[in-house]
All heavy atoms as atom14 arrays in JSON, in Angstrom:
{
  "sequence": "FSNIEVTLKEFRRQKKQHKACLDRCNASTPC",
  "atom14_mask": [
    [1, 1, 1, 1, 1, 1, 1, 1, 1, 1, 1, 0, 0, 0],
    [1, 1, 1, 1, 1, 1, 0, 0, 0, 0, 0, 0, 0, 0],
    [1, 1, 1, 1, 1, 1, 1, 1, 0, 0, 0, 0, 0, 0],
    [1, 1, 1, 1, 1, 1, 1, 1, 0, 0, 0, 0, 0, 0],
    [1, 1, 1, 1, 1, 1, 1, 1, 1, 0, 0, 0, 0, 0],
    [1, 1, 1, 1, 1, 1, 1, 0, 0, 0, 0, 0, 0, 0],
    [1, 1, 1, 1, 1, 1, 1, 0, 0, 0, 0, 0, 0, 0],
    [1, 1, 1, 1, 1, 1, 1, 1, 0, 0, 0, 0, 0, 0],
    [1, 1, 1, 1, 1, 1, 1, 1, 1, 0, 0, 0, 0, 0],
    [1, 1, 1, 1, 1, 1, 1, 1, 1, 0, 0, 0, 0, 0],
    [1, 1, 1, 1, 1, 1, 1, 1, 1, 1, 1, 0, 0, 0],
    [1, 1, 1, 1, 1, 1, 1, 1, 1, 1, 1, 0, 0, 0],
    [1, 1, 1, 1, 1, 1, 1, 1, 1, 1, 1, 0, 0, 0],
    [1, 1, 1, 1, 1, 1, 1, 1, 1, 0, 0, 0, 0, 0],
    [1, 1, 1, 1, 1, 1, 1, 1, 1, 0, 0, 0, 0, 0],
    [1, 1, 1, 1, 1, 1, 1, 1, 1, 0, 0, 0, 0, 0],
    [1, 1, 1, 1, 1, 1, 1, 1, 1, 0, 0, 0, 0, 0],
    [1, 1, 1, 1, 1, 1, 1, 1, 1, 1, 0, 0, 0, 0],
    [1, 1, 1, 1, 1, 1, 1, 1, 1, 0, 0, 0, 0, 0],
    [1, 1, 1, 1, 1, 0, 0, 0, 0, 0, 0, 0, 0, 0],
    [1, 1, 1, 1, 1, 1, 0, 0, 0, 0, 0, 0, 0, 0],
    [1, 1, 1, 1, 1, 1, 1, 1, 0, 0, 0, 0, 0, 0],
    [1, 1, 1, 1, 1, 1, 1, 1, 0, 0, 0, 0, 0, 0],
    [1, 1, 1, 1, 1, 1, 1, 1, 1, 1, 1, 0, 0, 0],
    [1, 1, 1, 1, 1, 1, 0, 0, 0, 0, 0, 0, 0, 0],
    [1, 1, 1, 1, 1, 1, 1, 1, 0, 0, 0, 0, 0, 0],
    [1, 1, 1, 1, 1, 0, 0, 0, 0, 0, 0, 0, 0, 0],
    [1, 1, 1, 1, 1, 1, 0, 0, 0, 0, 0, 0, 0, 0],
    [1, 1, 1, 1, 1, 1, 1, 0, 0, 0, 0, 0, 0, 0],
    [1, 1, 1, 1, 1, 1, 1, 0, 0, 0, 0, 0, 0, 0],
    [1, 1, 1, 1, 1, 1, 0, 0, 0, 0, 0, 0, 0, 0]
  ],
  "atom14_positions": [
    [[70.07, -2.47, -33.56], [71.58, -2.68, -33.59], [72.3, -1.79, -32.62], [73.27, -1.2, -33.02], [72.1, -2.77, -35.02], [71.7, -3.8, -35.86], [70.6, -3.77, -36.76], [72.38, -5.02, -35.87], [70.25, -4.76, -37.54], [72.03, -6.1, -36.59], [70.94, -5.99, -37.5], [0.0, 0.0, 0.0], [0.0, 0.0, 0.0], [0.0, 0.0, 0.0]],
    [[71.79, -1.58, -31.41], [72.34, -0.61, -30.65], [73.74, -1.08, -30.02], [74.52, -0.35, -29.42], [71.4, -0.44, -29.38], [71.21, -1.65, -28.72], [0.0, 0.0, 0.0], [0.0, 0.0, 0.0], [0.0, 0.0, 0.0], [0.0, 0.0, 0.0], [0.0, 0.0, 0.0], [0.0, 0.0, 0.0], [0.0, 0.0, 0.0], [0.0, 0.0, 0.0]],
    [[74.13, -2.38, -30.32], [75.38, -2.98, -29.79], [76.49, -2.62, -30.82], [77.67, -2.87, -30.4], [75.26, -4.41, -29.7], [74.84, -5.19, -30.91], [74.01, -4.62, -31.63], [75.54, -6.24, -31.34], [0.0, 0.0, 0.0], [0.0, 0.0, 0.0], [0.0, 0.0, 0.0], [0.0, 0.0, 0.0], [0.0, 0.0, 0.0], [0.0, 0.0, 0.0]],
    [[76.25, -2.11, -32.11], [77.19, -1.82, -33.05], [77.55, -0.25, -32.83], [76.57, 0.53, -32.93], [76.68, -2.06, -34.53], [76.45, -3.58, -34.63], [77.74, -1.49, -35.43], [75.94, -3.94, -36.06], [0.0, 0.0, 0.0], [0.0, 0.0, 0.0], [0.0, 0.0, 0.0], [0.0, 0.0, 0.0], [0.0, 0.0, 0.0], [0.0, 0.0, 0.0]],
    [[78.78, 0.04, -32.68], [79.06, 1.46, -32.51], [79.58, 2.04, -33.77], [80.41, 1.51, -34.47], [80.24, 1.66, -31.35], [80.46, 3.09, -30.92], [81.28, 3.25, -29.82], [81.43, 2.24, -29.06], [81.68, 4.31, -29.44], [0.0, 0.0, 0.0], [0.0, 0.0, 0.0], [0.0, 0.0, 0.0], [0.0, 0.0, 0.0], [0.0, 0.0, 0.0]],
    [[79.18, 3.3, -34.05], [79.72, 3.94, -35.28], [80.15, 5.46, -34.77], [79.67, 5.85, -33.69], [78.62, 4.23, -36.34], [78.32, 2.69, -36.93], [77.44, 4.92, -35.95], [0.0, 0.0, 0.0], [0.0, 0.0, 0.0], [0.0, 0.0, 0.0], [0.0, 0.0, 0.0], [0.0, 0.0, 0.0], [0.0, 0.0, 0.0], [0.0, 0.0, 0.0]],
    [[80.94, 6.08, -35.51], [81.5, 7.42, -35.09], [81.33, 8.37, -36.35], [81.34, 7.88, -37.56], [82.92, 7.44, -34.68], [83.86, 6.98, -35.83], [83.18, 6.36, -33.51], [0.0, 0.0, 0.0], [0.0, 0.0, 0.0], [0.0, 0.0, 0.0], [0.0, 0.0, 0.0], [0.0, 0.0, 0.0], [0.0, 0.0, 0.0], [0.0, 0.0, 0.0]],
    [[81.11, 9.55, -36.03], [80.98, 10.57, -37.22], [82.34, 10.7, -37.92], [82.27, 10.85, -39.19], [80.5, 11.91, -36.66], [79.1, 11.94, -36.0], [78.78, 13.27, -35.47], [78.04, 11.43, -36.79], [0.0, 0.0, 0.0], [0.0, 0.0, 0.0], [0.0, 0.0, 0.0], [0.0, 0.0, 0.0], [0.0, 0.0, 0.0], [0.0, 0.0, 0.0]],
    [[83.37, 10.6, -37.34], [84.77, 10.76, -37.92], [84.94, 9.72, -39.02], [85.49, 9.96, -40.11], [85.79, 10.76, -36.94], [85.87, 12.1, -36.17], [87.07, 12.12, -35.14], [87.15, 13.36, -34.39], [88.34, 13.51, -33.38], [0.0, 0.0, 0.0], [0.0, 0.0, 0.0], [0.0, 0.0, 0.0], [0.0, 0.0, 0.0], [0.0, 0.0, 0.0]],
    [[84.59, 8.48, -38.66], [84.7, 7.33, -39.61], [83.41, 6.89, -40.23], [83.38, 5.67, -40.55], [85.51, 6.25, -39.03], [86.98, 6.71, -38.4], [87.78, 5.53, -37.98], [87.7, 4.49, -38.67], [88.18, 5.59, -36.87], [0.0, 0.0, 0.0], [0.0, 0.0, 0.0], [0.0, 0.0, 0.0], [0.0, 0.0, 0.0], [0.0, 0.0, 0.0]],
    [[82.35, 7.72, -40.36], [81.12, 7.34, -40.79], [81.05, 6.67, -42.06], [80.4, 5.56, -42.26], [80.11, 8.55, -40.62], [78.61, 8.02, -40.9], [77.87, 7.63, -39.75], [78.08, 8.09, -42.14], [76.67, 7.21, -40.01], [76.82, 7.77, -42.28], [76.0, 7.25, -41.24], [0.0, 0.0, 0.0], [0.0, 0.0, 0.0], [0.0, 0.0, 0.0]],
    [[81.57, 7.27, -43.07], [81.54, 6.7, -44.4], [82.08, 5.28, -44.48], [81.47, 4.39, -45.06], [82.27, 7.63, -45.39], [81.99, 7.34, -46.92], [82.89, 8.28, -47.72], [82.23, 9.64, -47.49], [81.22, 10.35, -48.1], [80.58, 9.59, -48.97], [80.96, 11.58, -47.79], [0.0, 0.0, 0.0], [0.0, 0.0, 0.0], [0.0, 0.0, 0.0]],
    [[83.26, 5.03, -43.83], [83.88, 3.75, -43.84], [82.95, 2.78, -43.15], [82.82, 1.63, -43.59], [85.22, 3.81, -43.2], [85.94, 2.48, -43.2], [87.29, 2.46, -42.47], [87.06, 2.85, -41.01], [86.77, 1.96, -40.03], [86.49, 0.78, -40.47], [86.62, 2.25, -38.86], [0.0, 0.0, 0.0], [0.0, 0.0, 0.0], [0.0, 0.0, 0.0]],
    [[82.54, 3.2, -41.93], [81.71, 2.27, -41.08], [80.33, 1.95, -41.75], [79.84, 0.81, -41.62], [81.49, 2.86, -39.72], [82.83, 2.82, -38.98], [82.73, 3.67, -37.65], [81.95, 4.55, -37.53], [83.64, 3.39, -36.74], [0.0, 0.0, 0.0], [0.0, 0.0, 0.0], [0.0, 0.0, 0.0], [0.0, 0.0, 0.0], [0.0, 0.0, 0.0]],
    [[79.88, 2.89, -42.52], [78.55, 2.58, -43.18], [78.77, 1.48, -44.19], [77.89, 0.56, -44.33], [78.11, 3.86, -43.9], [76.85, 3.66, -44.71], [76.4, 4.97, -45.44], [75.16, 4.7, -46.38], [74.76, 5.94, -46.96], [0.0, 0.0, 0.0], [0.0, 0.0, 0.0], [0.0, 0.0, 0.0], [0.0, 0.0, 0.0], [0.0, 0.0, 0.0]],
    [[79.81, 1.5, -44.95], [80.13, 0.43, -45.93], [80.48, -0.92, -45.08], [79.98, -1.97, -45.54], [81.37, 0.82, -46.71], [81.17, 1.93, -47.73], [82.46, 2.18, -48.51], [82.23, 3.37, -49.45], [83.52, 3.73, -50.17], [0.0, 0.0, 0.0], [0.0, 0.0, 0.0], [0.0, 0.0, 0.0], [0.0, 0.0, 0.0], [0.0, 0.0, 0.0]],
    [[81.09, -0.77, -44.03], [81.48, -1.99, -43.18], [80.19, -2.72, -42.76], [80.18, -3.91, -42.67], [82.34, -1.55, -42.0], [82.6, -2.67, -41.02], [83.22, -2.09, -39.75], [83.73, -0.98, -39.74], [83.37, -2.86, -38.77], [0.0, 0.0, 0.0], [0.0, 0.0, 0.0], [0.0, 0.0, 0.0], [0.0, 0.0, 0.0], [0.0, 0.0, 0.0]],
    [[79.13, -1.95, -42.38], [77.94, -2.63, -41.77], [76.77, -2.79, -42.7], [75.73, -3.29, -42.43], [77.41, -1.76, -40.63], [78.47, -1.59, -39.51], [78.88, -2.7, -38.95], [79.02, -0.45, -38.86], [79.84, -2.26, -37.92], [79.88, -0.93, -37.9], [0.0, 0.0, 0.0], [0.0, 0.0, 0.0], [0.0, 0.0, 0.0], [0.0, 0.0, 0.0]],
    [[77.04, -2.4, -44.03], [75.9, -2.41, -44.97], [75.36, -3.82, -45.24], [74.12, -4.08, -45.23], [76.41, -1.9, -46.29], [75.26, -1.85, -47.3], [75.82, -1.18, -48.63], [74.49, -0.84, -49.53], [73.75, -1.99, -49.78], [0.0, 0.0, 0.0], [0.0, 0.0, 0.0], [0.0, 0.0, 0.0], [0.0, 0.0, 0.0], [0.0, 0.0, 0.0]],
    [[76.33, -4.85, -45.26], [75.94, -6.17, -45.55], [74.93, -6.55, -44.4], [73.91, -7.45, -44.56], [77.0, -7.09, -45.76], [0.0, 0.0, 0.0], [0.0, 0.0, 0.0], [0.0, 0.0, 0.0], [0.0, 0.0, 0.0], [0.0, 0.0, 0.0], [0.0, 0.0, 0.0], [0.0, 0.0, 0.0], [0.0, 0.0, 0.0], [0.0, 0.0, 0.0]],
    [[75.32, -6.32, -43.1], [74.62, -6.76, -41.96], [73.19, -6.17, -41.95], [72.13, -6.86, -41.75], [75.35, -6.32, -40.81], [74.42, -6.61, -39.07], [0.0, 0.0, 0.0], [0.0, 0.0, 0.0], [0.0, 0.0, 0.0], [0.0, 0.0, 0.0], [0.0, 0.0, 0.0], [0.0, 0.0, 0.0], [0.0, 0.0, 0.0], [0.0, 0.0, 0.0]],
    [[73.16, -4.83, -42.3], [71.78, -4.11, -42.41], [71.04, -4.65, -43.41], [69.8, -4.79, -43.34], [72.06, -2.65, -42.41], [72.73, -1.95, -41.25], [73.13, -0.56, -41.54], [71.85, -2.1, -39.92], [0.0, 0.0, 0.0], [0.0, 0.0, 0.0], [0.0, 0.0, 0.0], [0.0, 0.0, 0.0], [0.0, 0.0, 0.0], [0.0, 0.0, 0.0]],
    [[71.55, -5.04, -44.62], [70.77, -5.52, -45.77], [70.27, -6.87, -45.41], [69.1, -7.16, -45.85], [71.79, -5.66, -46.99], [72.08, -4.27, -47.69], [71.3, -3.3, -47.27], [72.95, -4.22, -48.46], [0.0, 0.0, 0.0], [0.0, 0.0, 0.0], [0.0, 0.0, 0.0], [0.0, 0.0, 0.0], [0.0, 0.0, 0.0], [0.0, 0.0, 0.0]],
    [[71.05, -7.68, -44.67], [70.5, -9.07, -44.36], [69.35, -8.87, -43.34], [68.28, -9.63, -43.44], [71.58, -9.91, -43.61], [72.6, -10.51, -44.57], [73.49, -11.57, -43.99], [74.19, -11.08, -42.77], [75.49, -10.56, -42.8], [76.03, -10.42, -44.03], [75.96, -10.15, -41.78], [0.0, 0.0, 0.0], [0.0, 0.0, 0.0], [0.0, 0.0, 0.0]],
    [[69.39, -7.98, -42.45], [68.35, -7.75, -41.5], [67.02, -7.19, -42.28], [65.99, -7.85, -42.05], [68.76, -6.62, -40.54], [67.41, -6.1, -39.42], [0.0, 0.0, 0.0], [0.0, 0.0, 0.0], [0.0, 0.0, 0.0], [0.0, 0.0, 0.0], [0.0, 0.0, 0.0], [0.0, 0.0, 0.0], [0.0, 0.0, 0.0], [0.0, 0.0, 0.0]],
    [[67.34, -6.4, -43.21], [66.15, -5.84, -43.94], [65.59, -6.91, -44.84], [64.26, -6.84, -45.06], [66.63, -4.63, -44.8], [65.39, -3.92, -45.45], [64.46, -3.5, -44.79], [65.55, -3.73, -46.77], [0.0, 0.0, 0.0], [0.0, 0.0, 0.0], [0.0, 0.0, 0.0], [0.0, 0.0, 0.0], [0.0, 0.0, 0.0], [0.0, 0.0, 0.0]],
    [[66.24, -7.75, -45.25], [65.76, -8.86, -46.13], [65.08, -10.03, -45.32], [64.02, -10.59, -45.7], [66.87, -9.48, -47.0], [0.0, 0.0, 0.0], [0.0, 0.0, 0.0], [0.0, 0.0, 0.0], [0.0, 0.0, 0.0], [0.0, 0.0, 0.0], [0.0, 0.0, 0.0], [0.0, 0.0, 0.0], [0.0, 0.0, 0.0], [0.0, 0.0, 0.0]],
    [[65.63, -10.26, -44.12], [65.14, -11.45, -43.41], [64.14, -11.09, -42.32], [63.19, -11.79, -42.07], [66.33, -12.2, -42.78], [67.09, -11.37, -41.86], [0.0, 0.0, 0.0], [0.0, 0.0, 0.0], [0.0, 0.0, 0.0], [0.0, 0.0, 0.0], [0.0, 0.0, 0.0], [0.0, 0.0, 0.0], [0.0, 0.0, 0.0], [0.0, 0.0, 0.0]],
    [[64.33, -9.92, -41.67], [63.44, -9.48, -40.56], [63.13, -8.02, -40.73], [63.57, -7.19, -39.85], [64.04, -9.79, -39.23], [65.37, -9.15, -39.05], [64.23, -11.2, -38.93], [0.0, 0.0, 0.0], [0.0, 0.0, 0.0], [0.0, 0.0, 0.0], [0.0, 0.0, 0.0], [0.0, 0.0, 0.0], [0.0, 0.0, 0.0], [0.0, 0.0, 0.0]],
    [[62.59, -7.65, -41.82], [62.36, -6.18, -42.05], [61.48, -5.53, -40.94], [60.49, -6.29, -40.38], [61.66, -6.08, -43.3], [61.01, -7.39, -43.57], [61.92, -8.36, -42.9], [0.0, 0.0, 0.0], [0.0, 0.0, 0.0], [0.0, 0.0, 0.0], [0.0, 0.0, 0.0], [0.0, 0.0, 0.0], [0.0, 0.0, 0.0], [0.0, 0.0, 0.0]],
    [[61.7, -4.44, -40.55], [60.77, -3.69, -39.49], [60.2, -2.51, -40.12], [60.47, -2.08, -41.23], [61.64, -3.34, -38.28], [62.82, -2.03, -38.61], [0.0, 0.0, 0.0], [0.0, 0.0, 0.0], [0.0, 0.0, 0.0], [0.0, 0.0, 0.0], [0.0, 0.0, 0.0], [0.0, 0.0, 0.0], [0.0, 0.0, 0.0], [0.0, 0.0, 0.0]]
  ]
}
């Protein structure tokens, strides 16, 4: 997911924001 940008200053919020996307990836195409 190199196209998704995160920052250290807003890391906690962005982690929650992208959690559903990462969970779907892990469930459907785990690596």
